[in-house]
Amino acid sequence: MGGDNAPEATTIGAIGAHKTLPKDMSLVLIGDQKSIVEILTREGENLDDYEIIPSTEVISMQDHPAKAFAKKPNSSIAIGFKLLMTKKIDGFASAGNTGAMLAGSMYTVKQVPGIIRPCLIGPLPRHDGSFGIMLDVGLNPDCKPDILYQYAILGDLYSKYIYNVDNPKVALLNLGSEEEKGSLLTKATHELMKDSSDFNFIGNIEGNDILDPDKSDVIITDGFTGNVVLKLSESYYEIFKKRNVEDDYINRFNPHEYGGTPVLGVNAPVIVGHGASNPQAIENMILHTKSVIETGLIEKIKEAFE
């Protein structure tokens, strides 16, 4: 029931993902059962191919995230986290209220021991067809050096196991490449990172090199800066679209292309989608959840922080 276009877009997207998922994988749809059944039937789907769990409440985008999660136990988000916490599902994805998804993560599956703050990852399309990543992109606008150091570990693991990058190049976003440049935060973080054996730190990176595949694979920054960069990159796609310009590379900035981003640092796969997700985005979000589950990324993170 999450997102501006639910349950139509979410159900149609689930149908698309179901056609790609292996036969031994079960897709669980949580929401208004009557609406879901009507859409599946209209699209000629076999109802036996889906497990439908009814919910009677909806956490809207206007609801206070933490309060709504507690006060609406029969919402699709709250039910999803109950299933995830009790291991009845292996991963949970939603395009619903992001704050409620984050609150649910912290109240139920909780953060991995040793991690100070979980974070969100933003994909960075590069011209060679690959993806870099940036973290955090909005969860923690105010950070300290030790938090950014942990983000580097998380980003290194994500790049290795999701994008299959061998020895990812980890960079710190700054206003200059020189070690002595930057804010108090970036200077102190650079000092922590420069001799690290936990990841391959290659130093500072400037904004004009963010999308260069030769410069870095993982870019570390605070959630305030990361969110500004993410929204700016998404705006490229919207601007080109309005100007009727078709370009394969610019199309990769369409947020529907990757569907959702994981909450890294919690004890189970949780994927958060864009509120305006269309069926394509939902399908990609589900398939991304499958990748996070199959690669054992969460277990790799737990091992790294033991």
Protein backbone atom coordinates (compact mmCIF):
# COMPACT_ATOMS: atom_id res chain seq x y z
CA MET A 1 0.00 0.00 0.00
CA GLY A 2 3.07 2.25 -0.07
CA GLY A 3 3.72 5.03 -2.55
CA ASP A 4 1.70 7.56 -4.49
CA ASN A 5 0.43 5.00 -7.01
CA ALA A 6 -0.47 2.07 -4.75
CA PRO A 7 -1.93 -0.50 -4.95
CA GLU A 8 -2.05 -0.37 -8.77
CA ALA A 9 1.63 0.31 -9.43
CA THR A 10 2.85 -1.95 -6.63
CA THR A 11 0.77 -4.91 -7.77
CA ILE A 12 1.62 -4.49 -11.46
CA GLY A 13 5.29 -4.16 -10.51
CA ALA A 14 5.05 -7.34 -8.44
CA ILE A 15 3.60 -9.16 -11.45
CA GLY A 16 6.59 -8.05 -13.53
CA ALA A 17 9.04 -9.21 -10.86
CA HIS A 18 7.24 -12.54 -10.47
CA LYS A 19 7.91 -13.34 -14.12
CA THR A 20 11.64 -12.99 -13.48
CA LEU A 21 11.95 -14.59 -10.05
CA PRO A 22 12.94 -18.26 -9.83
CA LYS A 23 10.11 -20.73 -9.21
CA ASP A 24 11.37 -21.54 -5.72
CA MET A 25 10.97 -17.92 -4.57
CA SER A 26 7.71 -16.76 -3.02
CA LEU A 27 6.40 -13.24 -3.46
CA VAL A 28 4.35 -11.94 -0.52
CA LEU A 29 2.00 -9.01 -1.12
CA ILE A 30 0.77 -7.11 1.94
CA GLY A 31 -2.16 -4.74 1.55
CA ASP A 32 -5.84 -4.41 0.74
CA GLN A 33 -6.69 -7.95 -0.27
CA LYS A 34 -9.73 -7.08 -2.36
CA SER A 35 -7.80 -4.56 -4.47
CA ILE A 36 -4.83 -6.88 -4.93
CA VAL A 37 -7.03 -9.80 -6.02
CA GLU A 38 -8.93 -7.58 -8.46
CA ILE A 39 -5.72 -6.37 -10.11
CA LEU A 40 -4.15 -9.84 -10.28
CA THR A 41 -7.35 -11.27 -11.76
CA ARG A 42 -7.67 -8.44 -14.27
CA GLU A 43 -4.09 -9.08 -15.42
CA GLY A 44 -4.78 -12.80 -15.88
CA GLU A 45 -2.51 -13.92 -13.02
CA ASN A 46 -2.87 -17.18 -11.11
CA LEU A 47 -3.69 -16.18 -7.53
CA ASP A 48 -1.90 -19.30 -6.26
CA ASP A 49 1.39 -17.79 -7.44
CA TYR A 50 1.17 -15.07 -4.79
CA GLU A 51 0.82 -15.06 -1.03
CA ILE A 52 -1.51 -12.23 -0.04
CA ILE A 53 -1.52 -10.97 3.54
CA PRO A 54 -4.33 -8.49 4.22
CA SER A 55 -3.77 -5.17 5.96
CA THR A 56 -6.48 -2.77 7.10
CA GLU A 57 -4.48 0.42 7.74
CA VAL A 58 -2.21 2.64 5.67
CA ILE A 59 0.67 4.84 6.84
CA SER A 60 0.41 7.88 4.57
CA MET A 61 3.25 10.14 3.49
CA GLN A 62 1.81 12.84 5.78
CA ASP A 63 1.83 10.66 8.92
CA HIS A 64 4.50 11.13 11.58
CA PRO A 65 6.77 8.11 10.89
CA ALA A 66 7.47 6.77 14.39
CA LYS A 67 4.00 7.54 15.78
CA ALA A 68 2.23 6.03 12.78
CA PHE A 69 4.31 2.85 12.94
CA ALA A 70 3.30 2.39 16.59
CA LYS A 71 -0.34 3.47 16.19
CA LYS A 72 -1.09 1.56 12.99
CA PRO A 73 -0.06 -2.04 13.73
CA ASN A 74 -2.29 -3.32 10.91
CA SER A 75 -0.63 -1.23 8.21
CA SER A 76 1.26 -2.98 5.43
CA ILE A 77 4.56 -1.54 6.70
CA ALA A 78 4.02 -2.69 10.31
CA ILE A 79 2.92 -6.16 9.20
CA GLY A 80 5.88 -6.44 6.84
CA PHE A 81 8.33 -5.75 9.63
CA LYS A 82 6.62 -8.28 11.91
CA LEU A 83 7.09 -10.91 9.22
CA LEU A 84 10.71 -9.89 8.71
CA MET A 85 11.46 -9.90 12.43
CA THR A 86 10.01 -13.39 12.85
CA LYS A 87 11.89 -14.60 9.72
CA LYS A 88 8.68 -15.48 7.86
CA ILE A 89 10.03 -13.40 4.98
CA ASP A 90 13.68 -12.95 3.98
CA GLY A 91 13.49 -9.36 2.76
CA PHE A 92 11.04 -6.47 2.91
CA ALA A 93 10.62 -3.74 0.28
CA SER A 94 8.24 -0.78 0.23
CA ALA A 95 7.75 2.53 -1.57
CA GLY A 96 5.80 3.81 1.42
CA ASN A 97 6.65 6.42 4.06
CA THR A 98 10.47 6.38 4.25
CA GLY A 99 10.50 7.55 7.85
CA ALA A 100 8.16 4.72 8.85
CA MET A 101 10.41 2.23 7.04
CA LEU A 102 13.40 3.51 8.98
CA ALA A 103 11.47 3.51 12.26
CA GLY A 104 10.30 -0.02 11.58
CA SER A 105 13.86 -1.12 10.91
CA MET A 106 15.08 0.27 14.23
CA TYR A 107 12.12 -0.97 16.31
CA THR A 108 12.00 -4.51 14.95
CA VAL A 109 15.04 -6.02 13.21
CA LYS A 110 17.28 -3.34 14.82
CA GLN A 111 20.75 -2.23 13.79
CA VAL A 112 23.75 -4.52 13.56
CA PRO A 113 25.72 -4.50 16.84
CA GLY A 114 28.68 -2.15 16.52
CA ILE A 115 27.10 0.12 13.92
CA ILE A 116 26.52 3.63 15.23
CA ARG A 117 23.94 4.66 12.61
CA PRO A 118 22.49 2.86 9.59
CA CYS A 119 22.55 4.70 6.27
CA LEU A 120 21.01 4.86 2.81
CA ILE A 121 22.91 4.21 -0.41
CA GLY A 122 22.45 6.15 -3.63
CA PRO A 123 23.52 4.63 -6.98
CA LEU A 124 25.66 6.74 -9.30
CA PRO A 125 25.37 5.80 -13.01
CA ARG A 126 28.68 6.06 -14.86
CA HIS A 127 29.22 6.45 -18.61
CA ASP A 128 30.88 3.03 -18.93
CA GLY A 129 27.65 1.28 -17.88
CA SER A 130 28.72 0.60 -14.30
CA PHE A 131 27.38 2.03 -11.05
CA GLY A 132 29.23 3.79 -8.30
CA ILE A 133 27.57 4.42 -4.95
CA MET A 134 27.32 7.28 -2.49
CA LEU A 135 26.45 7.06 1.18
CA ASP A 136 24.76 8.45 3.13
CA VAL A 137 22.11 10.05 0.91
CA GLY A 138 19.69 11.41 3.46
CA LEU A 139 19.31 9.34 6.60
CA ASN A 140 21.87 11.20 8.74
CA PRO A 141 22.38 14.86 7.83
CA ASP A 142 24.77 15.39 10.75
CA CYS A 143 27.68 12.98 11.03
CA LYS A 144 30.91 12.51 12.96
CA PRO A 145 34.15 11.05 11.60
CA ASP A 146 33.64 7.61 13.14
CA ILE A 147 30.20 7.36 11.51
CA LEU A 148 31.63 8.21 8.09
CA TYR A 149 34.37 5.66 8.66
CA GLN A 150 31.73 2.98 9.20
CA TYR A 151 29.92 4.11 6.06
CA ALA A 152 33.12 3.40 4.16
CA ILE A 153 33.10 -0.19 5.43
CA LEU A 154 29.43 -0.60 4.48
CA GLY A 155 29.96 0.93 1.04
CA ASP A 156 33.00 -1.26 0.40
CA LEU A 157 30.98 -4.41 1.18
CA TYR A 158 28.01 -3.29 -0.91
CA SER A 159 30.20 -2.51 -3.92
CA LYS A 160 31.95 -5.87 -3.63
CA TYR A 161 28.92 -8.10 -3.26
CA ILE A 162 26.17 -6.26 -5.15
CA TYR A 163 28.21 -4.75 -8.01
CA ASN A 164 31.02 -7.35 -7.95
CA VAL A 165 33.77 -4.74 -7.78
CA ASP A 166 37.13 -6.17 -6.76
CA ASN A 167 38.84 -3.98 -4.14
CA PRO A 168 36.53 -0.94 -4.51
CA LYS A 169 38.11 2.51 -4.53
CA VAL A 170 36.69 4.41 -1.54
CA ALA A 171 36.80 8.24 -1.65
CA LEU A 172 35.76 11.04 0.68
CA LEU A 173 33.71 13.82 -0.94
CA ASN A 174 35.41 17.16 -0.35
CA LEU A 175 35.90 20.60 -1.89
CA GLY A 176 39.46 19.74 -2.90
CA SER A 177 41.58 16.67 -3.43
CA GLU A 178 44.33 17.85 -1.09
CA GLU A 179 44.42 16.25 2.35
CA GLU A 180 44.50 19.56 4.23
CA LYS A 181 41.37 20.96 2.53
CA GLY A 182 37.77 20.80 3.70
CA SER A 183 35.65 21.25 6.79
CA LEU A 184 36.49 20.11 10.30
CA LEU A 185 34.45 16.96 9.58
CA THR A 186 36.20 16.02 6.33
CA LYS A 187 39.68 16.77 7.71
CA ALA A 188 39.11 14.61 10.78
CA THR A 189 37.52 11.84 8.69
CA HIS A 190 40.43 11.86 6.24
CA GLU A 191 42.82 11.45 9.17
CA LEU A 192 40.86 8.37 10.32
CA MET A 193 40.64 6.83 6.87
CA LYS A 194 44.07 7.45 5.37
CA ASP A 195 45.85 4.49 6.97
CA SER A 196 42.87 2.13 7.09
CA SER A 197 43.20 -1.55 6.27
CA ASP A 198 39.40 -1.99 6.34
CA PHE A 199 38.96 -0.62 2.81
CA ASN A 200 40.91 0.82 -0.11
CA PHE A 201 40.88 4.54 0.68
CA ILE A 202 42.11 6.63 -2.25
CA GLY A 203 41.69 10.07 -0.65
CA ASN A 204 39.45 13.05 -1.30
CA ILE A 205 37.31 13.47 -4.40
CA GLU A 206 35.73 16.64 -5.77
CA GLY A 207 32.21 17.05 -7.12
CA ASN A 208 33.29 17.09 -10.77
CA ASP A 209 34.71 13.56 -10.41
CA ILE A 210 31.68 11.95 -8.75
CA LEU A 211 30.56 10.15 -11.93
CA ASP A 212 34.05 9.20 -13.18
CA PRO A 213 34.48 5.38 -12.99
CA ASP A 214 38.27 5.77 -12.98
CA LYS A 215 38.24 7.93 -9.86
CA SER A 216 36.20 5.96 -7.32
CA ASP A 217 33.63 3.23 -6.70
CA VAL A 218 32.36 4.34 -3.29
CA ILE A 219 31.92 7.97 -2.22
CA ILE A 220 31.46 8.84 1.45
CA THR A 221 29.67 11.95 2.69
CA ASP A 222 27.13 13.11 5.26
CA GLY A 223 23.43 12.62 4.57
CA PHE A 224 22.78 16.31 3.93
CA THR A 225 25.36 16.61 1.15
CA GLY A 226 24.57 13.16 -0.22
CA ASN A 227 20.88 13.91 -0.52
CA VAL A 228 21.56 17.15 -2.40
CA VAL A 229 23.81 15.28 -4.85
CA LEU A 230 21.25 12.49 -5.31
CA LYS A 231 18.36 14.88 -5.98
CA LEU A 232 20.49 16.92 -8.37
CA SER A 233 21.46 13.82 -10.34
CA GLU A 234 17.81 12.72 -10.56
CA SER A 235 16.89 16.20 -11.84
CA TYR A 236 19.12 15.66 -14.91
CA TYR A 237 16.72 13.01 -16.12
CA GLU A 238 13.66 15.22 -15.53
CA ILE A 239 15.22 18.20 -17.32
CA PHE A 240 16.20 16.17 -20.38
CA LYS A 241 12.76 14.57 -20.45
CA LYS A 242 11.04 17.98 -20.43
CA ARG A 243 13.29 19.12 -23.26
CA ASN A 244 12.41 15.98 -25.29
CA VAL A 245 16.05 14.88 -25.38
CA GLU A 246 16.63 11.13 -25.56
CA ASP A 247 19.96 9.85 -24.31
CA ASP A 248 20.67 6.34 -23.03
CA TYR A 249 23.09 7.56 -20.38
CA ILE A 250 20.81 10.28 -19.03
CA ASN A 251 17.98 7.74 -18.88
CA ARG A 252 20.02 5.82 -16.33
CA PHE A 253 19.46 8.70 -13.89
CA ASN A 254 15.77 7.82 -13.85
CA PRO A 255 15.16 6.63 -10.26
CA HIS A 256 12.73 4.03 -11.59
CA GLU A 257 15.68 2.23 -13.20
CA TYR A 258 17.01 0.95 -9.88
CA GLY A 259 13.79 1.00 -7.89
CA GLY A 260 15.00 1.28 -4.33
CA THR A 261 17.91 1.58 -1.96
CA PRO A 262 18.77 -0.60 1.03
CA VAL A 263 18.94 0.54 4.63
CA LEU A 264 22.47 -0.62 5.40
CA GLY A 265 23.40 -1.44 8.96
CA VAL A 266 20.24 -3.24 10.10
CA ASN A 267 19.91 -6.98 10.72
CA ALA A 268 17.77 -7.89 7.69
CA PRO A 269 17.30 -6.81 4.06
CA VAL A 270 15.13 -3.66 4.03
CA ILE A 271 14.73 -1.81 0.72
CA VAL A 272 13.13 1.63 0.49
CA GLY A 273 11.60 2.79 -2.78
CA HIS A 274 10.72 6.23 -4.15
CA GLY A 275 7.27 7.47 -3.18
CA ALA A 276 6.45 8.14 -6.83
CA SER A 277 7.45 4.63 -7.91
CA ASN A 278 5.80 3.31 -11.05
CA PRO A 279 5.48 -0.43 -11.89
CA GLN A 280 8.96 -0.50 -13.41
CA ALA A 281 10.46 0.90 -10.19
CA ILE A 282 8.54 -1.59 -8.04
CA GLU A 283 9.71 -4.49 -10.20
CA ASN A 284 13.32 -3.33 -9.97
CA MET A 285 13.01 -2.77 -6.22
CA ILE A 286 11.82 -6.35 -5.72
CA LEU A 287 14.62 -7.73 -7.90
CA HIS A 288 17.15 -5.64 -5.98
CA THR A 289 15.82 -7.09 -2.73
CA LYS A 290 16.41 -10.54 -4.20
CA SER A 291 20.05 -9.61 -4.91
CA VAL A 292 20.63 -8.35 -1.37
CA ILE A 293 19.18 -11.60 0.03
CA GLU A 294 21.05 -13.95 -2.32
CA THR A 295 24.46 -12.34 -1.87
CA GLY A 296 24.25 -12.66 1.90
CA LEU A 297 25.18 -8.98 2.19
CA ILE A 298 23.66 -8.56 5.65
CA GLU A 299 25.66 -11.51 7.01
CA LYS A 300 28.83 -10.06 5.47
CA ILE A 301 28.13 -6.78 7.28
CA LYS A 302 27.55 -8.56 10.59
CA GLU A 303 30.83 -10.42 10.21
CA ALA A 304 32.71 -7.19 9.46
CA PHE A 305 31.41 -5.53 12.65
CA GLU A 306 31.78 -8.46 15.04
